[in-house]
Amino acid sequence: MITNFFIPELNNHDVQELWFQQDSATCHTARATIDLLKDTFGDRLISRFRPVNWPPRSCDLTPLDYFLGGYVKSLVYADKPQTLDHLEDNIRRVIADIRPQILEKVIENWTSRLDYIRSSRGSRMPEIIFKM
């Protein structure tokens, strides 16, 4: 996926200011995987035991991804779908109903928490830039 989709897709974007955060799953931190990511992101790679080590249970750098997973799941399973078609319909409905205002509020709340964390950690925390 990294070789065939992700990196080619990045060629359509300026990645010079982009950071990449990797979770700590063993298969995601394999040397071959990290080497591919380091070739693209250099020292802007946040991963376990890598250029920037992001401590476990720290604030997630991707609040929309972190938020959406739980939010969508809670709504998709609210009526306990019994069939695959019902589940797929719920997923489509929930995704279609997400309004930009919800996502803006998530980013606003996250930014205020991030400012607090930055002030308590000082310069040890990287400046994260979202461009995509």
N, C-alpha and C. Protein backbone atom coordinates (compact mmCIF):
# COMPACT_ATOMS: atom_id res chain seq x y z
N MET A 1 0.82 -1.19 0.00
CA MET A 1 0.00 0.00 0.00
C MET A 1 0.87 1.26 0.00
N ILE A 2 1.91 1.26 0.80
CA ILE A 2 2.78 2.43 0.85
C ILE A 2 3.44 2.65 -0.51
N THR A 3 3.98 1.58 -1.08
CA THR A 3 4.70 1.68 -2.35
C THR A 3 3.77 1.94 -3.53
N ASN A 4 2.65 1.23 -3.58
CA ASN A 4 1.77 1.30 -4.75
C ASN A 4 0.74 2.41 -4.71
N PHE A 5 0.38 2.89 -3.52
CA PHE A 5 -0.65 3.92 -3.45
C PHE A 5 -0.18 5.20 -2.76
N PHE A 6 0.27 5.06 -1.51
CA PHE A 6 0.54 6.23 -0.68
C PHE A 6 1.63 7.15 -1.26
N ILE A 7 2.79 6.60 -1.51
CA ILE A 7 3.91 7.42 -2.01
C ILE A 7 3.59 8.01 -3.39
N PRO A 8 3.04 7.23 -4.34
CA PRO A 8 2.66 7.86 -5.62
C PRO A 8 1.63 8.99 -5.44
N GLU A 9 0.71 8.83 -4.52
CA GLU A 9 -0.29 9.88 -4.28
C GLU A 9 0.38 11.13 -3.71
N LEU A 10 1.41 10.96 -2.91
CA LEU A 10 2.12 12.10 -2.35
C LEU A 10 2.82 12.93 -3.43
N ASN A 11 3.12 12.31 -4.56
CA ASN A 11 3.76 13.06 -5.64
C ASN A 11 2.89 14.20 -6.14
N ASN A 12 1.61 14.16 -5.82
CA ASN A 12 0.69 15.23 -6.21
C ASN A 12 0.65 16.37 -5.20
N HIS A 13 1.45 16.27 -4.14
CA HIS A 13 1.42 17.25 -3.05
C HIS A 13 2.84 17.67 -2.67
N ASP A 14 2.94 18.85 -2.07
CA ASP A 14 4.21 19.30 -1.52
C ASP A 14 4.37 18.70 -0.14
N VAL A 15 5.26 17.74 0.01
CA VAL A 15 5.42 17.05 1.30
C VAL A 15 6.57 17.62 2.12
N GLN A 16 7.19 18.69 1.65
CA GLN A 16 8.35 19.23 2.36
C GLN A 16 8.02 19.72 3.76
N GLU A 17 6.77 20.11 4.01
CA GLU A 17 6.38 20.59 5.33
C GLU A 17 5.42 19.63 6.03
N LEU A 18 5.20 18.46 5.48
CA LEU A 18 4.25 17.51 6.02
C LEU A 18 4.94 16.55 6.97
N TRP A 19 4.29 16.26 8.08
CA TRP A 19 4.76 15.27 9.03
C TRP A 19 3.93 14.00 8.85
N PHE A 20 4.52 12.86 9.15
CA PHE A 20 3.80 11.59 9.10
C PHE A 20 3.86 10.95 10.46
N GLN A 21 2.69 10.57 11.00
CA GLN A 21 2.64 9.90 12.29
C GLN A 21 2.30 8.43 12.07
N GLN A 22 3.11 7.57 12.61
CA GLN A 22 2.94 6.13 12.49
C GLN A 22 2.52 5.57 13.83
N ASP A 23 1.55 4.66 13.85
CA ASP A 23 1.24 4.03 15.13
C ASP A 23 2.31 3.00 15.45
N SER A 24 2.21 2.37 16.59
CA SER A 24 3.31 1.50 17.02
C SER A 24 3.07 0.03 16.76
N ALA A 25 2.09 -0.31 15.91
CA ALA A 25 1.88 -1.71 15.57
C ALA A 25 3.16 -2.28 14.96
N THR A 26 3.52 -3.48 15.36
CA THR A 26 4.78 -4.08 14.94
C THR A 26 4.95 -4.09 13.43
N CYS A 27 3.91 -4.48 12.70
CA CYS A 27 4.05 -4.54 11.23
C CYS A 27 4.20 -3.14 10.63
N HIS A 28 3.72 -2.11 11.33
CA HIS A 28 3.84 -0.74 10.83
C HIS A 28 5.22 -0.16 11.10
N THR A 29 5.94 -0.75 12.04
CA THR A 29 7.25 -0.22 12.38
C THR A 29 8.38 -1.15 11.94
N ALA A 30 8.07 -2.04 11.04
CA ALA A 30 9.12 -2.92 10.48
C ALA A 30 10.16 -2.05 9.78
N ARG A 31 11.39 -2.49 9.79
CA ARG A 31 12.48 -1.70 9.21
C ARG A 31 12.20 -1.29 7.76
N ALA A 32 11.67 -2.22 6.95
CA ALA A 32 11.39 -1.90 5.54
C ALA A 32 10.34 -0.79 5.43
N THR A 33 9.33 -0.84 6.28
CA THR A 33 8.28 0.19 6.27
C THR A 33 8.84 1.54 6.67
N ILE A 34 9.58 1.55 7.76
CA ILE A 34 10.17 2.81 8.25
C ILE A 34 11.14 3.37 7.23
N ASP A 35 11.94 2.53 6.60
CA ASP A 35 12.89 3.01 5.58
C ASP A 35 12.15 3.70 4.43
N LEU A 36 11.05 3.14 3.98
CA LEU A 36 10.24 3.77 2.92
C LEU A 36 9.73 5.13 3.37
N LEU A 37 9.23 5.19 4.59
CA LEU A 37 8.69 6.45 5.10
C LEU A 37 9.78 7.49 5.34
N LYS A 38 10.94 7.05 5.84
CA LYS A 38 12.05 7.98 6.06
C LYS A 38 12.55 8.57 4.75
N ASP A 39 12.52 7.77 3.67
CA ASP A 39 12.93 8.29 2.36
C ASP A 39 12.04 9.44 1.92
N THR A 40 10.78 9.40 2.29
CA THR A 40 9.82 10.43 1.89
C THR A 40 9.76 11.58 2.88
N PHE A 41 9.74 11.27 4.18
CA PHE A 41 9.51 12.29 5.20
C PHE A 41 10.76 12.69 5.98
N GLY A 42 11.85 11.96 5.83
CA GLY A 42 13.08 12.30 6.56
C GLY A 42 12.86 12.32 8.06
N ASP A 43 13.26 13.41 8.70
CA ASP A 43 13.11 13.55 10.15
C ASP A 43 11.71 13.97 10.56
N ARG A 44 10.81 14.09 9.61
CA ARG A 44 9.42 14.46 9.92
C ARG A 44 8.55 13.21 10.05
N LEU A 45 9.14 12.15 10.56
CA LEU A 45 8.45 10.88 10.79
C LEU A 45 8.30 10.68 12.29
N ILE A 46 7.08 10.58 12.74
CA ILE A 46 6.79 10.37 14.15
C ILE A 46 6.38 8.91 14.29
N SER A 47 7.21 8.14 14.99
CA SER A 47 6.97 6.71 15.10
C SER A 47 7.71 6.16 16.31
N ARG A 48 7.45 4.92 16.60
CA ARG A 48 8.11 4.27 17.73
C ARG A 48 9.59 4.08 17.44
N PHE A 49 10.44 4.60 18.29
CA PHE A 49 11.90 4.47 18.19
C PHE A 49 12.46 5.05 16.89
N ARG A 50 11.86 6.06 16.35
CA ARG A 50 12.32 6.64 15.08
C ARG A 50 12.64 8.12 15.28
N PRO A 51 12.84 8.86 14.20
CA PRO A 51 13.33 10.24 14.34
C PRO A 51 12.64 11.05 15.43
N VAL A 52 11.32 11.02 15.47
CA VAL A 52 10.58 11.67 16.55
C VAL A 52 9.77 10.58 17.22
N ASN A 53 10.09 10.27 18.45
CA ASN A 53 9.39 9.21 19.17
C ASN A 53 8.17 9.80 19.85
N TRP A 54 7.00 9.40 19.40
CA TRP A 54 5.76 9.90 19.98
C TRP A 54 5.34 8.96 21.11
N PRO A 55 5.31 9.44 22.35
CA PRO A 55 5.04 8.56 23.50
C PRO A 55 3.65 7.93 23.43
N PRO A 56 3.52 6.73 23.96
CA PRO A 56 2.21 6.07 23.99
C PRO A 56 1.18 6.92 24.74
N ARG A 57 -0.05 6.84 24.30
CA ARG A 57 -1.19 7.53 24.92
C ARG A 57 -1.05 9.05 24.94
N SER A 58 -0.26 9.59 24.05
CA SER A 58 -0.17 11.03 23.91
C SER A 58 -1.31 11.51 23.01
N CYS A 59 -1.53 12.80 23.00
CA CYS A 59 -2.57 13.33 22.11
C CYS A 59 -2.30 12.89 20.69
N ASP A 60 -3.33 12.51 20.01
CA ASP A 60 -3.19 12.06 18.64
C ASP A 60 -2.98 13.27 17.75
N LEU A 61 -2.11 13.12 16.77
CA LEU A 61 -1.84 14.24 15.86
C LEU A 61 -2.86 14.34 14.74
N THR A 62 -3.74 13.38 14.67
CA THR A 62 -4.76 13.40 13.62
C THR A 62 -6.14 13.35 14.27
N PRO A 63 -6.61 14.47 14.79
CA PRO A 63 -7.84 14.47 15.58
C PRO A 63 -9.07 14.05 14.79
N LEU A 64 -9.14 14.38 13.52
CA LEU A 64 -10.32 13.98 12.76
C LEU A 64 -10.38 12.48 12.61
N ASP A 65 -9.24 11.87 12.33
CA ASP A 65 -9.19 10.42 12.20
C ASP A 65 -9.55 9.78 13.54
N TYR A 66 -8.95 10.28 14.61
CA TYR A 66 -9.19 9.73 15.94
C TYR A 66 -10.65 9.92 16.33
N PHE A 67 -11.18 11.08 16.10
CA PHE A 67 -12.57 11.39 16.45
C PHE A 67 -13.55 10.60 15.59
N LEU A 68 -13.33 10.59 14.28
CA LEU A 68 -14.30 10.00 13.37
C LEU A 68 -14.50 8.51 13.60
N GLY A 69 -13.43 7.81 13.93
CA GLY A 69 -13.57 6.38 14.16
C GLY A 69 -14.62 6.06 15.21
N GLY A 70 -14.49 6.66 16.37
CA GLY A 70 -15.45 6.42 17.46
C GLY A 70 -16.81 7.00 17.19
N TYR A 71 -16.84 8.19 16.63
CA TYR A 71 -18.10 8.87 16.33
C TYR A 71 -18.93 8.08 15.33
N VAL A 72 -18.30 7.71 14.22
CA VAL A 72 -19.00 6.95 13.18
C VAL A 72 -19.44 5.59 13.72
N LYS A 73 -18.55 4.91 14.42
CA LYS A 73 -18.89 3.59 14.95
C LYS A 73 -20.09 3.66 15.89
N SER A 74 -20.12 4.66 16.77
CA SER A 74 -21.24 4.76 17.71
C SER A 74 -22.57 4.95 17.00
N LEU A 75 -22.58 5.73 15.92
CA LEU A 75 -23.82 5.96 15.19
C LEU A 75 -24.18 4.79 14.27
N VAL A 76 -23.18 4.18 13.67
CA VAL A 76 -23.43 3.05 12.75
C VAL A 76 -24.05 1.88 13.51
N TYR A 77 -23.59 1.62 14.71
CA TYR A 77 -24.08 0.47 15.47
C TYR A 77 -25.21 0.80 16.43
N ALA A 78 -25.70 2.04 16.43
CA ALA A 78 -26.74 2.46 17.38
C ALA A 78 -28.00 1.60 17.27
N ASP A 79 -28.39 1.24 16.05
CA ASP A 79 -29.61 0.43 15.89
C ASP A 79 -29.31 -1.05 15.68
N LYS A 80 -28.10 -1.46 16.00
CA LYS A 80 -27.67 -2.86 15.95
C LYS A 80 -28.03 -3.54 14.63
N PRO A 81 -27.36 -3.14 13.55
CA PRO A 81 -27.67 -3.73 12.24
C PRO A 81 -27.47 -5.24 12.25
N GLN A 82 -28.40 -5.96 11.63
CA GLN A 82 -28.37 -7.42 11.64
C GLN A 82 -27.88 -8.01 10.32
N THR A 83 -27.79 -7.18 9.28
CA THR A 83 -27.32 -7.69 7.99
C THR A 83 -26.21 -6.79 7.47
N LEU A 84 -25.44 -7.32 6.53
CA LEU A 84 -24.37 -6.55 5.93
C LEU A 84 -24.95 -5.35 5.17
N ASP A 85 -26.06 -5.53 4.47
CA ASP A 85 -26.70 -4.42 3.76
C ASP A 85 -27.10 -3.30 4.72
N HIS A 86 -27.68 -3.69 5.85
CA HIS A 86 -28.09 -2.71 6.86
C HIS A 86 -26.86 -1.96 7.39
N LEU A 87 -25.79 -2.68 7.67
CA LEU A 87 -24.55 -2.07 8.14
C LEU A 87 -24.00 -1.09 7.11
N GLU A 88 -23.95 -1.52 5.85
CA GLU A 88 -23.45 -0.63 4.79
C GLU A 88 -24.31 0.61 4.64
N ASP A 89 -25.64 0.44 4.71
CA ASP A 89 -26.55 1.59 4.64
C ASP A 89 -26.28 2.57 5.79
N ASN A 90 -26.09 2.02 6.99
CA ASN A 90 -25.79 2.87 8.14
C ASN A 90 -24.49 3.65 7.94
N ILE A 91 -23.47 2.98 7.45
CA ILE A 91 -22.18 3.64 7.22
C ILE A 91 -22.35 4.78 6.23
N ARG A 92 -23.01 4.50 5.12
CA ARG A 92 -23.23 5.55 4.11
C ARG A 92 -24.02 6.73 4.68
N ARG A 93 -25.07 6.43 5.44
CA ARG A 93 -25.91 7.49 6.01
C ARG A 93 -25.13 8.34 7.02
N VAL A 94 -24.40 7.68 7.89
CA VAL A 94 -23.65 8.40 8.92
C VAL A 94 -22.59 9.29 8.29
N ILE A 95 -21.85 8.76 7.34
CA ILE A 95 -20.80 9.54 6.67
C ILE A 95 -21.42 10.73 5.94
N ALA A 96 -22.54 10.50 5.25
CA ALA A 96 -23.20 11.58 4.50
C ALA A 96 -23.72 12.68 5.43
N ASP A 97 -24.06 12.32 6.66
CA ASP A 97 -24.63 13.29 7.60
C ASP A 97 -23.59 14.10 8.37
N ILE A 98 -22.31 13.77 8.22
CA ILE A 98 -21.28 14.53 8.94
C ILE A 98 -21.16 15.91 8.30
N ARG A 99 -21.33 16.92 9.09
CA ARG A 99 -21.29 18.30 8.62
C ARG A 99 -19.92 18.92 8.91
N PRO A 100 -19.49 19.83 8.04
CA PRO A 100 -18.20 20.49 8.25
C PRO A 100 -18.09 21.17 9.62
N GLN A 101 -19.20 21.65 10.15
CA GLN A 101 -19.17 22.32 11.45
C GLN A 101 -18.71 21.38 12.56
N ILE A 102 -19.08 20.11 12.46
CA ILE A 102 -18.65 19.13 13.47
C ILE A 102 -17.13 18.98 13.41
N LEU A 103 -16.61 18.85 12.20
CA LEU A 103 -15.17 18.68 12.03
C LEU A 103 -14.41 19.93 12.45
N GLU A 104 -14.96 21.10 12.15
CA GLU A 104 -14.33 22.35 12.57
C GLU A 104 -14.25 22.44 14.09
N LYS A 105 -15.31 22.01 14.77
CA LYS A 105 -15.33 22.05 16.24
C LYS A 105 -14.29 21.08 16.81
N VAL A 106 -14.14 19.92 16.20
CA VAL A 106 -13.12 18.96 16.65
C VAL A 106 -11.74 19.58 16.54
N ILE A 107 -11.45 20.20 15.40
CA ILE A 107 -10.15 20.83 15.20
C ILE A 107 -9.94 21.97 16.19
N GLU A 108 -10.97 22.77 16.42
CA GLU A 108 -10.87 23.88 17.38
C GLU A 108 -10.56 23.37 18.78
N ASN A 109 -11.28 22.34 19.23
CA ASN A 109 -11.04 21.78 20.57
C ASN A 109 -9.65 21.16 20.67
N TRP A 110 -9.26 20.44 19.63
CA TRP A 110 -7.95 19.80 19.62
C TRP A 110 -6.84 20.84 19.65
N THR A 111 -7.00 21.91 18.87
CA THR A 111 -5.97 22.95 18.81
C THR A 111 -5.76 23.58 20.17
N SER A 112 -6.84 23.82 20.91
CA SER A 112 -6.67 24.41 22.24
C SER A 112 -5.95 23.45 23.18
N ARG A 113 -6.22 22.14 23.07
CA ARG A 113 -5.50 21.15 23.89
C ARG A 113 -4.04 21.08 23.48
N LEU A 114 -3.79 21.13 22.18
CA LEU A 114 -2.43 21.06 21.68
C LEU A 114 -1.61 22.27 22.15
N ASP A 115 -2.22 23.45 22.16
CA ASP A 115 -1.53 24.64 22.68
C ASP A 115 -1.12 24.44 24.14
N TYR A 116 -2.02 23.84 24.93
CA TYR A 116 -1.71 23.57 26.33
C TYR A 116 -0.54 22.59 26.45
N ILE A 117 -0.58 21.53 25.65
CA ILE A 117 0.48 20.52 25.70
C ILE A 117 1.81 21.14 25.27
N ARG A 118 1.78 21.93 24.21
CA ARG A 118 3.02 22.58 23.75
C ARG A 118 3.62 23.44 24.86
N SER A 119 2.77 24.18 25.56
CA SER A 119 3.29 25.06 26.61
C SER A 119 3.87 24.27 27.77
N SER A 120 3.33 23.07 28.02
CA SER A 120 3.85 22.27 29.13
C SER A 120 5.08 21.45 28.73
N ARG A 121 5.25 21.17 27.42
CA ARG A 121 6.40 20.38 26.96
C ARG A 121 7.51 21.24 26.38
N GLY A 122 7.20 22.46 26.08
CA GLY A 122 8.21 23.34 25.50
C GLY A 122 8.56 22.93 24.09
N SER A 123 9.80 23.04 23.75
CA SER A 123 10.24 22.82 22.37
C SER A 123 10.39 21.34 22.01
N ARG A 124 10.10 20.44 22.96
CA ARG A 124 10.26 19.02 22.65
C ARG A 124 9.18 18.51 21.70
N MET A 125 8.13 19.27 21.48
CA MET A 125 7.05 18.82 20.62
C MET A 125 7.18 19.45 19.25
N PRO A 126 7.10 18.65 18.17
CA PRO A 126 7.25 19.21 16.83
C PRO A 126 6.06 20.06 16.43
N GLU A 127 6.31 21.01 15.58
CA GLU A 127 5.24 21.83 15.00
C GLU A 127 4.61 21.02 13.88
N ILE A 128 3.33 20.78 13.96
CA ILE A 128 2.65 19.93 12.99
C ILE A 128 1.96 20.83 11.97
N ILE A 129 2.16 20.51 10.72
CA ILE A 129 1.58 21.29 9.64
C ILE A 129 0.68 20.39 8.81
N PHE A 130 -0.59 20.81 8.62
CA PHE A 130 -1.52 20.05 7.81
C PHE A 130 -1.66 20.75 6.49
N LYS A 131 -1.34 20.07 5.39
CA LYS A 131 -1.46 20.70 4.08
C LYS A 131 -2.37 19.91 3.16
N MET A 132 -2.64 18.65 3.46
CA MET A 132 -3.41 17.82 2.52
C MET A 132 -4.90 17.96 2.77
